[in-house]
C-alpha atoms as a PDB file:
ATOM      1  CA  UNK A   1     105.137 121.247  83.720  1.00  0.00           C
ATOM      2  CA  UNK A   2     104.867 123.624  86.716  1.00  0.00           C
ATOM      3  CA  UNK A   3     105.487 122.148  90.125  1.00  0.00           C
ATOM      4  CA  UNK A   4     103.019 122.815  92.922  1.00  0.00           C
ATOM      5  CA  UNK A   5     104.789 124.184  95.986  1.00  0.00           C
ATOM      6  CA  UNK A   6     103.434 123.221  99.392  1.00  0.00           C
ATOM      7  CA  UNK A   7     104.303 125.542 102.255  1.00  0.00           C
ATOM      8  CA  UNK A   8     106.305 124.065 105.160  1.00  0.00           C
ATOM      9  CA  UNK A   9     103.486 124.932 107.449  1.00  0.00           C
ATOM     10  CA  UNK A  10     101.321 122.288 105.795  1.00  0.00           C
ATOM     11  CA  UNK A  11     104.026 119.653 106.325  1.00  0.00           C
ATOM     12  CA  UNK A  12     104.234 120.579 109.996  1.00  0.00           C
ATOM     13  CA  UNK A  13     100.489 120.347 110.361  1.00  0.00           C
ATOM     14  CA  UNK A  14     100.432 116.921 108.686  1.00  0.00           C
ATOM     15  CA  UNK A  15     103.320 115.755 110.855  1.00  0.00           C
ATOM     16  CA  UNK A  16     101.466 116.921 113.938  1.00  0.00           C
ATOM     17  CA  UNK A  17      98.337 115.133 112.801  1.00  0.00           C
ATOM     18  CA  UNK A  18     100.305 111.930 112.232  1.00  0.00           C
ATOM     19  CA  UNK A  19     101.847 112.188 115.703  1.00  0.00           C
ATOM     20  CA  UNK A  20      98.440 112.823 117.249  1.00  0.00           C
ATOM     21  CA  UNK A  21      96.965 109.858 115.457  1.00  0.00           C
ATOM     22  CA  UNK A  22      99.878 107.681 116.624  1.00  0.00           C
ATOM     23  CA  UNK A  23      99.259 108.756 120.198  1.00  0.00           C
ATOM     24  CA  UNK A  24      95.551 107.915 119.787  1.00  0.00           C
ATOM     25  CA  UNK A  25      96.496 104.492 118.364  1.00  0.00           C
ATOM     26  CA  UNK A  26      98.663 103.810 121.418  1.00  0.00           C
ATOM     27  CA  UNK A  27      95.917 105.009 123.749  1.00  0.00           C
ATOM     28  CA  UNK A  28      93.272 102.824 122.063  1.00  0.00           C
ATOM     29  CA  UNK A  29      95.600  99.819 122.239  1.00  0.00           C
ATOM     30  CA  UNK A  30      95.437  99.908 126.071  1.00  0.00           C
ATOM     31  CA  UNK A  31      91.654 100.135 126.163  1.00  0.00           C
ATOM     32  CA  UNK A  32      89.555  97.006 125.863  1.00  0.00           C
ATOM     33  CA  UNK A  33      86.903  97.753 123.272  1.00  0.00           C
ATOM     34  CA  UNK A  34      86.257  94.179 122.208  1.00  0.00           C
ATOM     35  CA  UNK A  35      85.917  93.650 118.517  1.00  0.00           C
ATOM     36  CA  UNK A  36      85.919  97.437 117.940  1.00  0.00           C
ATOM     37  CA  UNK A  37      89.587  97.735 118.888  1.00  0.00           C
ATOM     38  CA  UNK A  38      90.690  96.299 115.590  1.00  0.00           C
ATOM     39  CA  UNK A  39      88.188  98.440 113.629  1.00  0.00           C
ATOM     40  CA  UNK A  40      89.320 101.620 115.317  1.00  0.00           C
ATOM     41  CA  UNK A  41      93.018 100.777 114.879  1.00  0.00           C
ATOM     42  CA  UNK A  42      92.535 100.040 111.179  1.00  0.00           C
ATOM     43  CA  UNK A  43      90.516 103.265 110.777  1.00  0.00           C
ATOM     44  CA  UNK A  44      93.306 105.303 112.293  1.00  0.00           C
ATOM     45  CA  UNK A  45      95.942 103.492 110.231  1.00  0.00           C
ATOM     46  CA  UNK A  46      93.931 104.137 107.065  1.00  0.00           C
ATOM     47  CA  UNK A  47      93.715 107.822 107.904  1.00  0.00           C
ATOM     48  CA  UNK A  48      97.450 108.027 108.545  1.00  0.00           C
ATOM     49  CA  UNK A  49      98.247 106.187 105.281  1.00  0.00           C
ATOM     50  CA  UNK A  50      95.920 108.544 103.400  1.00  0.00           C
ATOM     51  CA  UNK A  51      97.735 111.620 104.811  1.00  0.00           C
ATOM     52  CA  UNK A  52     101.126 110.157 103.922  1.00  0.00           C
ATOM     53  CA  UNK A  53     100.012 109.280 100.378  1.00  0.00           C
ATOM     54  CA  UNK A  54      98.352 112.627  99.676  1.00  0.00           C
ATOM     55  CA  UNK A  55     100.973 114.974 101.131  1.00  0.00           C
ATOM     56  CA  UNK A  56     104.351 113.308 101.556  1.00  0.00           C
ATOM     57  CA  UNK A  57     104.075 111.393  98.319  1.00  0.00           C
ATOM     58  CA  UNK A  58     102.659 114.540  96.594  1.00  0.00           C
ATOM     59  CA  UNK A  59      99.665 112.718  95.130  1.00  0.00           C
ATOM     60  CA  UNK A  60      97.195 115.459  96.077  1.00  0.00           C
ATOM     61  CA  UNK A  61      98.568 117.917  93.521  1.00  0.00           C
ATOM     62  CA  UNK A  62      99.626 115.386  90.878  1.00  0.00           C
ATOM     63  CA  UNK A  63      98.224 114.619  87.489  1.00  0.00           C
ATOM     64  CA  UNK A  64      95.282 112.345  86.786  1.00  0.00           C
ATOM     65  CA  UNK A  65      97.733 109.623  85.659  1.00  0.00           C
ATOM     66  CA  UNK A  66      99.294 109.526  89.109  1.00  0.00           C
ATOM     67  CA  UNK A  67      95.786 109.275  90.643  1.00  0.00           C
ATOM     68  CA  UNK A  68      95.045 106.403  88.286  1.00  0.00           C
ATOM     69  CA  UNK A  69      98.231 104.598  89.292  1.00  0.00           C
ATOM     70  CA  UNK A  70      97.406 105.001  93.002  1.00  0.00           C
ATOM     71  CA  UNK A  71      93.831 103.849  92.441  1.00  0.00           C
ATOM     72  CA  UNK A  72      94.972 100.821  90.421  1.00  0.00           C
ATOM     73  CA  UNK A  73      97.344  99.856  93.234  1.00  0.00           C
ATOM     74  CA  UNK A  74      94.498  99.944  95.752  1.00  0.00           C
ATOM     75  CA  UNK A  75      92.204  98.036  93.332  1.00  0.00           C
ATOM     76  CA  UNK A  76      94.842  95.344  92.962  1.00  0.00           C
ATOM     77  CA  UNK A  77      95.268  95.148  96.717  1.00  0.00           C
ATOM     78  CA  UNK A  78      91.479  94.798  97.124  1.00  0.00           C
ATOM     79  CA  UNK A  79      91.436  91.983  94.572  1.00  0.00           C
ATOM     80  CA  UNK A  80      94.238  90.148  96.333  1.00  0.00           C
ATOM     81  CA  UNK A  81      92.605  90.519  99.734  1.00  0.00           C
ATOM     82  CA  UNK A  82      89.250  89.301  98.306  1.00  0.00           C
ATOM     83  CA  UNK A  83      90.840  86.210  96.814  1.00  0.00           C
ATOM     84  CA  UNK A  84      92.760  85.478 100.016  1.00  0.00           C
ATOM     85  CA  UNK A  85      89.734  85.895 102.252  1.00  0.00           C
ATOM     86  CA  UNK A  86      87.559  83.794  99.976  1.00  0.00           C
ATOM     87  CA  UNK A  87      90.088  80.967 100.281  1.00  0.00           C
ATOM     88  CA  UNK A  88      90.469  81.403 104.052  1.00  0.00           C
ATOM     89  CA  UNK A  89      86.753  81.682 104.854  1.00  0.00           C
ATOM     90  CA  UNK A  90      85.808  78.540 102.805  1.00  0.00           C
ATOM     91  CA  UNK A  91      88.425  76.178 104.245  1.00  0.00           C
ATOM     92  CA  UNK A  92      85.957  74.635 106.709  1.00  0.00           C
ATOM     93  CA  UNK A  93      83.462  73.664 104.019  1.00  0.00           C
ATOM     94  CA  UNK A  94      83.336  69.948 103.319  1.00  0.00           C
ATOM     95  CA  UNK A  95      82.555  69.223  99.690  1.00  0.00           C
ATOM     96  CA  UNK A  96      83.143  65.485  99.930  1.00  0.00           C
ATOM     97  CA  UNK A  97      80.439  63.161 101.191  1.00  0.00           C
ATOM     98  CA  UNK A  98      80.907  61.651 104.677  1.00  0.00           C
ATOM     99  CA  UNK A  99      82.099  57.975 104.678  1.00  0.00           C
ATOM    100  CA  UNK A 100      79.719  55.294 105.918  1.00  0.00           C
END
């Protein structure tokens, strides 16, 4: 199976993008954006994680089986987060009748 070779220039560009996004994350942390602070920070973190997975973990040029393994990992994470949030968000619901 032939290996795909990525030029060092691409690694330097991805590293520069990660450093730039880290600087943006730090800059946004000191700005009060209300509820959007968390959304922006998570968006930047997701972008950085995607770059790391695609390039430094070599998923971008991998086989379909590797893509399926990565997708199944994210699917399992989504299932776990859904179950956790469904438990957490329904804790205030009272299912028992109030006493007299």
